[in-house]
Structures are given as C-alpha cells and as structure tokens.
Protein backbone atom coordinates (compact mmCIF):
# COMPACT_ATOMS: atom_id res chain seq x y z
CA MET A 1 -0.23 0.21 0.03
CA ARG A 2 2.95 2.30 0.68
CA LYS A 3 4.21 1.80 -2.99
CA PHE A 4 0.36 2.44 -4.03
CA ILE A 5 0.67 6.60 -1.92
CA LEU A 6 4.11 7.09 -2.96
CA ALA A 7 3.30 6.09 -7.26
CA ALA A 8 -0.24 8.31 -6.09
CA ALA A 9 1.96 11.56 -4.31
CA SER A 10 4.06 11.60 -7.83
CA ILE A 11 1.01 11.60 -10.31
CA ALA A 12 -0.32 14.69 -8.11
CA ALA A 13 2.83 15.54 -7.77
CA LEU A 14 3.25 15.82 -11.63
CA THR A 15 -0.66 17.14 -12.59
CA PHE A 16 -1.07 19.54 -9.74
CA VAL A 17 -1.14 22.66 -10.84
CA GLY A 18 -0.46 26.24 -8.98
CA PRO A 19 -2.02 28.39 -6.94
CA ALA A 20 -0.12 31.03 -9.89
CA SER A 21 -1.54 29.23 -12.64
CA ALA A 22 -4.65 31.56 -14.34
CA GLN A 23 -5.81 28.81 -16.62
CA SER A 24 -6.34 25.48 -14.55
CA PRO A 25 -8.11 25.16 -10.84
CA ILE A 26 -6.19 24.57 -8.30
CA VAL A 27 -7.88 20.89 -7.15
CA LEU A 28 -7.90 19.99 -3.39
CA LYS A 29 -8.84 16.18 -2.85
CA PHE A 30 -10.51 15.88 0.42
CA SER A 31 -10.81 12.08 2.13
CA HIS A 32 -13.24 10.87 4.53
CA VAL A 33 -14.22 6.83 5.74
CA VAL A 34 -18.05 7.72 6.06
CA ALA A 35 -21.04 8.20 5.28
CA SER A 36 -21.83 11.74 2.77
CA ASP A 37 -25.20 11.18 5.12
CA THR A 38 -22.88 11.95 8.49
CA PRO A 39 -22.65 14.78 10.32
CA LYS A 40 -18.83 14.89 8.91
CA GLY A 41 -19.99 14.00 5.12
CA LYS A 42 -22.36 16.58 5.44
CA ALA A 43 -19.73 18.85 6.48
CA ALA A 44 -17.35 17.63 3.93
CA ASP A 45 -19.99 18.61 1.05
CA LYS A 46 -20.23 22.13 2.81
CA PHE A 47 -16.94 22.80 2.61
CA LYS A 48 -17.07 22.11 -1.05
CA GLU A 49 -20.05 23.86 -2.21
CA LEU A 50 -18.71 27.04 0.29
CA ALA A 51 -15.13 26.71 -0.89
CA GLU A 52 -15.35 26.69 -5.04
CA LYS A 53 -17.93 29.40 -4.04
CA TYR A 54 -15.81 31.91 -1.99
CA THR A 55 -12.35 31.62 -4.52
CA GLY A 56 -14.55 32.00 -7.45
CA GLY A 57 -14.05 28.27 -9.16
CA LYS A 58 -10.22 28.64 -8.59
CA VAL A 59 -10.34 25.58 -6.06
CA LYS A 60 -12.14 22.17 -6.99
CA VAL A 61 -12.13 20.94 -4.42
CA GLU A 62 -12.80 16.50 -4.73
CA VAL A 63 -15.22 14.53 -2.21
CA TYR A 64 -14.25 11.04 -1.41
CA PRO A 65 -16.21 9.82 1.44
CA ASN A 66 -16.56 6.53 3.24
CA SER A 67 -13.44 4.94 2.33
CA THR A 68 -13.19 5.47 -2.08
CA LEU A 69 -9.78 6.62 -1.76
CA TYR A 70 -8.45 5.53 1.17
CA LYS A 71 -9.00 3.20 4.96
CA ASP A 72 -8.30 4.35 7.80
CA LYS A 73 -4.48 3.09 8.42
CA GLU A 74 -3.55 4.55 4.99
CA GLU A 75 -5.46 7.73 5.13
CA LEU A 76 -2.83 10.13 7.30
CA GLU A 77 0.19 8.58 5.72
CA ALA A 78 -1.26 9.69 2.25
CA LEU A 79 -1.61 13.44 3.15
CA GLN A 80 1.58 13.50 4.87
CA LEU A 81 3.18 12.05 1.59
CA GLY A 82 0.66 14.89 -0.78
CA ALA A 83 -1.83 12.17 -2.79
CA VAL A 84 -4.54 14.00 -0.82
CA GLN A 85 -4.13 17.09 0.57
CA MET A 86 -7.08 17.30 2.84
CA LEU A 87 -8.43 14.79 5.94
CA ALA A 88 -11.62 14.97 8.94
CA PRO A 89 -9.49 12.09 10.47
CA SER A 90 -10.82 11.47 13.96
CA ASN A 91 -8.47 12.29 17.12
CA SER A 92 -7.92 8.82 17.75
CA LYS A 93 -5.76 8.26 14.52
CA PHE A 94 -2.97 10.92 15.56
CA GLY A 95 -1.50 8.41 18.60
CA PRO A 96 -0.63 5.82 16.16
CA ILE A 97 1.56 8.82 14.37
CA GLY A 98 3.25 10.31 17.28
CA ILE A 99 0.43 12.67 18.81
CA LYS A 100 -0.37 11.15 21.21
CA GLU A 101 -2.48 14.15 23.31
CA PHE A 102 -4.69 13.79 21.10
CA GLU A 103 -6.02 10.54 22.64
CA VAL A 104 -6.82 12.51 25.84
CA PHE A 105 -10.89 13.06 23.80
CA ASP A 106 -10.37 8.76 24.08
CA LEU A 107 -10.74 9.23 28.00
CA PRO A 108 -13.87 7.81 29.02
CA TYR A 109 -16.41 10.69 30.66
CA ILE A 110 -13.68 12.77 30.37
CA LEU A 111 -16.77 15.38 27.85
CA PRO A 112 -19.78 15.89 30.14
CA ASP A 113 -21.90 18.13 26.96
CA LEU A 114 -21.02 19.48 24.35
CA LYS A 115 -20.85 22.97 26.71
CA ALA A 116 -17.82 21.45 28.22
CA LEU A 117 -16.64 20.21 25.00
CA ARG A 118 -16.56 23.78 22.68
CA LYS A 119 -14.96 25.15 26.05
CA VAL A 120 -11.97 22.97 24.94
CA THR A 121 -11.71 22.79 21.34
CA ASP A 122 -13.21 26.91 20.12
CA GLY A 123 -10.47 27.77 23.60
CA PRO A 124 -6.61 27.90 24.03
CA LEU A 125 -6.07 24.52 25.05
CA GLY A 126 -7.86 23.03 21.28
CA ALA A 127 -5.33 25.08 20.24
CA GLN A 128 -2.24 24.05 21.38
CA LEU A 129 -3.09 20.33 20.69
CA LEU A 130 -3.65 21.89 17.08
CA LYS A 131 -0.83 23.22 16.57
CA LYS A 132 1.28 20.13 17.68
CA LEU A 133 0.04 19.09 13.70
CA ASP A 134 2.59 21.23 12.50
CA SER A 135 5.49 19.01 13.24
CA LYS A 136 4.20 15.95 10.84
CA GLY A 137 3.93 17.71 7.99
CA MET A 138 0.31 18.78 8.32
CA THR A 139 -1.93 22.01 9.28
CA GLY A 140 -5.52 21.61 11.70
CA LEU A 141 -8.34 24.22 10.68
CA ALA A 142 -11.29 23.10 12.79
CA TYR A 143 -12.29 20.35 15.65
CA TRP A 144 -15.98 18.68 13.49
CA ASP A 145 -18.27 16.54 15.99
CA ASN A 146 -19.75 13.30 15.76
CA GLY A 147 -21.39 12.87 18.91
CA PHE A 148 -20.93 10.72 21.77
CA LYS A 149 -20.70 7.37 21.84
CA GLN A 150 -22.56 4.70 22.57
CA MET A 151 -22.40 0.88 23.09
CA SER A 152 -23.88 -2.15 21.08
CA ALA A 153 -23.26 -5.94 20.73
CA ASN A 154 -25.35 -8.79 20.42
CA LYS A 155 -25.86 -9.95 24.50
CA LYS A 156 -27.14 -7.05 26.86
CA LEU A 157 -24.74 -4.32 28.07
CA VAL A 158 -25.71 -3.65 31.89
CA ALA A 159 -23.38 -4.00 33.90
CA PRO A 160 -19.74 -4.24 33.25
CA ALA A 161 -19.42 -8.37 34.41
CA ASP A 162 -21.69 -7.81 31.02
CA TYR A 163 -18.78 -7.01 28.66
CA LYS A 164 -16.46 -9.78 30.42
CA GLY A 165 -14.95 -11.98 27.49
CA LEU A 166 -16.54 -10.31 24.58
CA LYS A 167 -14.71 -9.30 21.78
CA PHE A 168 -14.74 -5.27 20.61
CA ARG A 169 -14.30 -2.92 17.44
CA ILE A 170 -12.06 -0.41 18.33
CA GLN A 171 -10.44 2.74 16.67
CA SER A 172 -6.39 2.45 17.04
CA SER A 173 -5.98 3.76 20.78
CA LYS A 174 -4.30 3.08 23.49
CA VAL A 175 -6.55 4.66 25.73
CA LEU A 176 -9.49 2.61 24.27
CA GLU A 177 -7.50 -0.79 24.44
CA ALA A 178 -7.47 0.15 27.87
CA GLN A 179 -10.95 1.52 28.59
CA PHE A 180 -12.31 -2.21 26.74
CA ARG A 181 -9.66 -4.54 29.34
CA ALA A 182 -10.67 -2.26 32.15
CA LEU A 183 -13.98 -4.05 31.53
CA GLY A 184 -12.79 -7.38 30.57
CA ALA A 185 -13.62 -7.38 26.99
CA ILE A 186 -10.98 -8.19 24.24
CA PRO A 187 -10.33 -4.90 21.58
CA GLN A 188 -9.89 -5.38 18.92
CA VAL A 189 -8.34 -2.51 16.38
CA MET A 190 -10.12 -2.08 12.41
CA ALA A 191 -10.70 -0.25 9.92
CA PHE A 192 -14.26 1.68 9.87
CA SER A 193 -14.88 -0.11 6.64
CA ASP A 194 -14.80 -2.37 7.69
CA VAL A 195 -17.31 -2.95 11.02
CA TYR A 196 -20.06 -4.20 9.61
CA GLN A 197 -19.02 -7.45 8.33
CA ALA A 198 -17.13 -8.16 11.18
CA LEU A 199 -20.79 -7.97 13.15
CA GLN A 200 -22.39 -9.62 11.13
CA THR A 201 -20.16 -12.75 10.57
CA GLY A 202 -18.88 -12.99 15.08
CA VAL A 203 -15.52 -11.54 14.28
CA VAL A 204 -16.22 -9.22 16.94
CA ASP A 205 -19.13 -9.16 19.64
CA GLY A 206 -19.89 -5.77 19.84
CA GLN A 207 -18.80 -2.07 19.00
CA GLU A 208 -18.78 1.26 20.51
CA ASN A 209 -19.64 4.62 18.11
CA THR A 210 -22.74 7.01 17.36
CA TRP A 211 -25.91 6.49 16.39
CA SER A 212 -25.42 8.25 13.05
CA ASN A 213 -22.77 6.02 12.10
CA ILE A 214 -24.29 3.06 13.55
CA TYR A 215 -27.28 3.88 11.41
CA THR A 216 -25.42 4.77 8.91
CA GLN A 217 -22.95 1.56 8.67
CA LYS A 218 -26.00 -0.45 9.56
CA MET A 219 -24.83 -1.95 12.15
CA HIS A 220 -28.45 -2.05 13.97
CA GLU A 221 -29.00 -4.80 11.59
CA VAL A 222 -26.39 -7.04 12.70
CA GLN A 223 -26.95 -5.63 16.63
CA LYS A 224 -29.68 -7.12 18.98
CA TYR A 225 -28.88 -4.36 21.05
CA ALA A 226 -27.68 -0.88 22.06
CA THR A 227 -27.24 0.72 25.18
CA VAL A 228 -27.10 4.91 26.00
CA THR A 229 -24.52 5.37 27.47
CA ASN A 230 -22.54 8.51 26.19
CA HIS A 231 -19.65 7.21 27.23
CA GLY A 232 -17.61 8.63 25.16
CA TYR A 233 -16.92 11.47 22.18
CA ILE A 234 -16.64 11.03 18.95
CA GLY A 235 -14.61 14.04 16.66
CA TYR A 236 -12.61 14.87 13.71
CA VAL A 237 -9.49 17.11 13.01
CA VAL A 238 -9.34 18.89 9.78
CA VAL A 239 -6.07 19.02 8.54
CA VAL A 240 -4.40 19.67 5.62
CA ASN A 241 -1.06 19.04 3.98
CA LYS A 242 1.25 21.69 5.49
CA LYS A 243 3.62 22.09 2.42
CA PHE A 244 0.01 22.78 -0.02
CA TRP A 245 -1.52 25.07 2.30
CA ASP A 246 1.63 27.08 2.59
CA GLY A 247 2.37 27.52 -0.72
CA LEU A 248 -1.00 28.39 -1.48
CA PRO A 249 -1.74 32.52 -2.05
CA ALA A 250 -2.88 34.30 1.00
CA ASP A 251 -6.29 34.88 -0.43
CA ILE A 252 -7.05 31.70 -1.54
CA ARG A 253 -5.95 30.20 1.38
CA GLU A 254 -8.43 33.02 3.21
CA GLN A 255 -11.20 32.76 1.57
CA LEU A 256 -10.74 28.78 2.25
CA SER A 257 -10.42 29.45 6.09
CA LYS A 258 -13.91 31.58 5.39
CA ALA A 259 -15.43 28.64 3.92
CA MET A 260 -13.91 26.17 6.65
CA LYS A 261 -15.20 28.31 9.62
CA GLU A 262 -18.29 28.16 8.20
CA ALA A 263 -18.80 24.46 7.64
CA THR A 264 -17.15 23.86 10.48
CA GLU A 265 -20.39 25.64 12.32
CA PHE A 266 -22.71 23.73 9.95
CA GLY A 267 -21.77 20.59 10.47
CA ASN A 268 -21.81 20.94 14.45
CA ASN A 269 -25.36 22.04 13.89
CA GLN A 270 -25.72 18.83 12.30
CA SER A 271 -24.26 16.91 14.38
CA ALA A 272 -26.78 16.45 17.42
CA LYS A 273 -29.66 16.47 14.71
CA GLU A 274 -28.64 13.13 12.94
CA ASN A 275 -27.74 11.72 16.75
CA ASP A 276 -31.25 12.15 17.52
CA ASP A 277 -32.76 11.11 13.82
CA ALA A 278 -30.45 8.32 13.71
CA LEU A 279 -31.67 6.85 17.23
CA GLU A 280 -35.50 7.08 16.07
CA ALA A 281 -34.71 5.25 12.44
CA ILE A 282 -33.16 2.78 14.65
CA LYS A 283 -36.32 2.26 17.34
CA LYS A 284 -38.58 2.19 14.18
CA ALA A 285 -36.55 -0.47 12.00
CA GLY A 286 -37.20 -2.50 15.06
CA LYS A 287 -34.38 -4.95 14.98
CA THR A 288 -32.46 -3.42 18.54
CA GLU A 289 -33.16 -3.27 21.35
CA ILE A 290 -32.63 -0.03 23.33
CA ILE A 291 -31.55 0.17 26.27
CA SER A 292 -31.03 2.90 28.91
CA LEU A 293 -29.29 2.44 32.26
CA SER A 294 -30.21 4.11 35.80
CA PRO A 295 -28.21 5.90 37.88
CA GLU A 296 -27.00 3.43 39.59
CA GLN A 297 -25.91 1.69 36.03
CA ASP A 298 -24.64 4.26 34.50
CA GLU A 299 -22.49 4.65 38.37
CA ALA A 300 -21.18 1.58 38.06
CA MET A 301 -19.91 1.86 34.12
CA ARG A 302 -17.98 5.47 34.98
CA LYS A 303 -16.49 3.53 38.30
CA ALA A 304 -15.41 -0.02 36.04
CA MET A 305 -13.45 3.26 33.90
CA MET A 306 -11.60 5.16 36.17
CA PRO A 307 -8.49 3.13 36.33
CA VAL A 308 -7.82 4.33 32.65
CA TYR A 309 -7.19 7.23 33.47
CA LYS A 310 -3.96 6.21 36.02
CA ASP A 311 -3.42 3.38 32.66
CA VAL A 312 -2.83 6.25 29.87
CA ALA A 313 -1.58 9.20 32.46
CA SER A 314 2.29 8.54 30.80
CA ARG A 315 1.22 7.85 27.55
CA VAL A 316 -1.35 11.01 26.99
CA GLY A 317 0.24 13.64 29.72
CA GLN A 318 -1.44 13.66 33.18
CA PRO A 319 -0.80 17.88 33.37
CA LEU A 320 -2.88 17.83 30.09
CA ILE A 321 -5.64 15.71 31.70
CA ASP A 322 -5.73 17.69 34.72
CA GLU A 323 -5.89 20.37 32.02
CA PHE A 324 -8.98 18.96 30.24
CA LEU A 325 -10.47 18.28 34.08
CA LYS A 326 -10.17 21.95 34.35
CA GLU A 327 -11.94 22.78 31.38
CA THR A 328 -14.65 20.71 31.49
CA GLY A 329 -15.73 21.37 34.94
CA ARG A 330 -16.50 18.05 36.44
CA SER A 331 -15.73 14.73 38.00
CA PRO A 332 -15.47 11.91 35.04
CA MET A 333 -17.38 10.55 37.99
CA ASN A 334 -20.64 12.89 38.39
C-alpha cells in the first residue's frame, strides 16, 4: 500500500496546477471514511460548496467519502506524502503517528456535554493541540463533531460484568484498548469500513459508536442490543497538507479558511440532530433493543472505567488530563 500511495503522490505532484496558473483550478482532494449522510459527510460537502463559491472557482474540491480513496490506516500517510490534500481523521488516529495527546479525547466520560467540549476545542487548549500537527507535515484547521458514543453487542450490556470476554472493535488507540480491558473485554483494532461485516460474521461481538454512524453503516441490523452510555466522544480534526496549504496565495487561503469556519459551524450544528434522527430510525427499524441505564448502573460503569485514567496518564500526559478536567469543570464520576 505504501508503494501505491507513493505512486499516487508522484502523480499528484506531476498533475498539480500551482496557484499561479490562471487556466486551471487548484484541485483539493478531501478524503474521509464515513458516509455522505453523516455529520462529517455533510460538513465536507458544505466545505466544497463554500470553498468553490468563495474562491470563484479558483479551487475545485473533490470529496471522496466512505473510504473510496483510503482506509483508516492509510489516509494520514497519504496526506503527509501529498497524495491527498485534506482529511478529517478522528482524534484517535493521531496517537499512532506520534501525537499521543489527541488520545485525551478518548478517555471515558472526560467530556460531559457539548458545552464542555466547545470550551476545549474553541479555546487555547484546542489551539495548543492543533499546533502539534505542524511537526508531522500537516496543518490543523478545525474540530468537527460526530457525537457521543454508545455501546452495542448481541447481548445486553447493563453492568461492567456483561462486557467480560466480548470482542469489541475499536479504533487504533491505546486509551480505547485500556477502556475495554478495564471492562474485561477484548479490544480489536479494525478499519471503520470493515466493522459491519465483522459484526455480521461474528469476528467481533460488539462496538462503540455514535447513533449516526451505527445507522448509516447499518450496524443496527447486526446488533441485537444497544445501550445508551454516552461514555465517550467521537470527533474529527480537519487537517490539510502543510506544504500545500502554505503554498497557496494568501487570498485563497483566507477564502478557504472562511469556508472551513462556516462548514464547521454547519456540521457541528447538524451533529446533534443527525444523532437524534438516527436513534429514532434505529428504534423504528425494530432490529435493535435500546437499553437505558439507571443512575446506579451508570455510576457502576463510570467506576469500572476510572482506572483507565491512571493507566494512560504517562502516555497522554497527566498535566493535559488535568487541564481538560479543569476546563470542563467536572469529574468523570459525575
């Protein structure tokens, strides 16, 4: 696959029409791994619409959804090599390439609600994290929401003991590995595009995701139960190849930044609605029983996952965890 990406990058370098050309538009390839009718998919399409409008057609944005260009493990390398110009990977994906701090978003119950999330992403702490991407040849432009995660499996998940021995699909994240091991489950790293088949065939027993991802990927058709846990958050960082971005004329970069700001607001406003709508659609489909936890059951889940904070403190950074908790103003236990 690396050879393929290298070849694609070489072709991109040969065919790219630089900003100085008045004849052909600047092509910006935007690749992502989810469906077009998800919050991220809709935000990407909105960015395309606004970018082409504000630049007067000087930039052409090509959006490639649903892993049509690259799967999870390939896309960041493709961006760094210049085979694609823009991505919106989940926070978890930056840990494996050496920016472990982004895995703080994976800690269970660290973000109690959207208000606390905004305080982090729109403030100095969010900007501080984006700056760390520079060293990897990429520029961070925005934070996009997907929403809060729920648990699903082919058995009822009510108490921590219910997770013991089950195989759960996760993104590549040491924090998520620690989370499921704390519950006695077996984490299995797997590309997002492979999850449906893995659930269908029993390669994994369950998974964690937002309602919109569960519904658009049809996971509810192969999972008998889903538990409302809101235990974690899935968000994305929109990144662009740094060399490409820095090489754009200042006016084009300004127009694209404006388009990104408006697309971000649009997509993040869509996120909560999309998840609410997806939950109703899952209920209507009638193939998955939705389980709500009592306050006592919720507290038991939180208590079971608290050791994760200590387990990953040396990886993510205790000072960063403390900053997050200070910004959100709440303990994960409440």
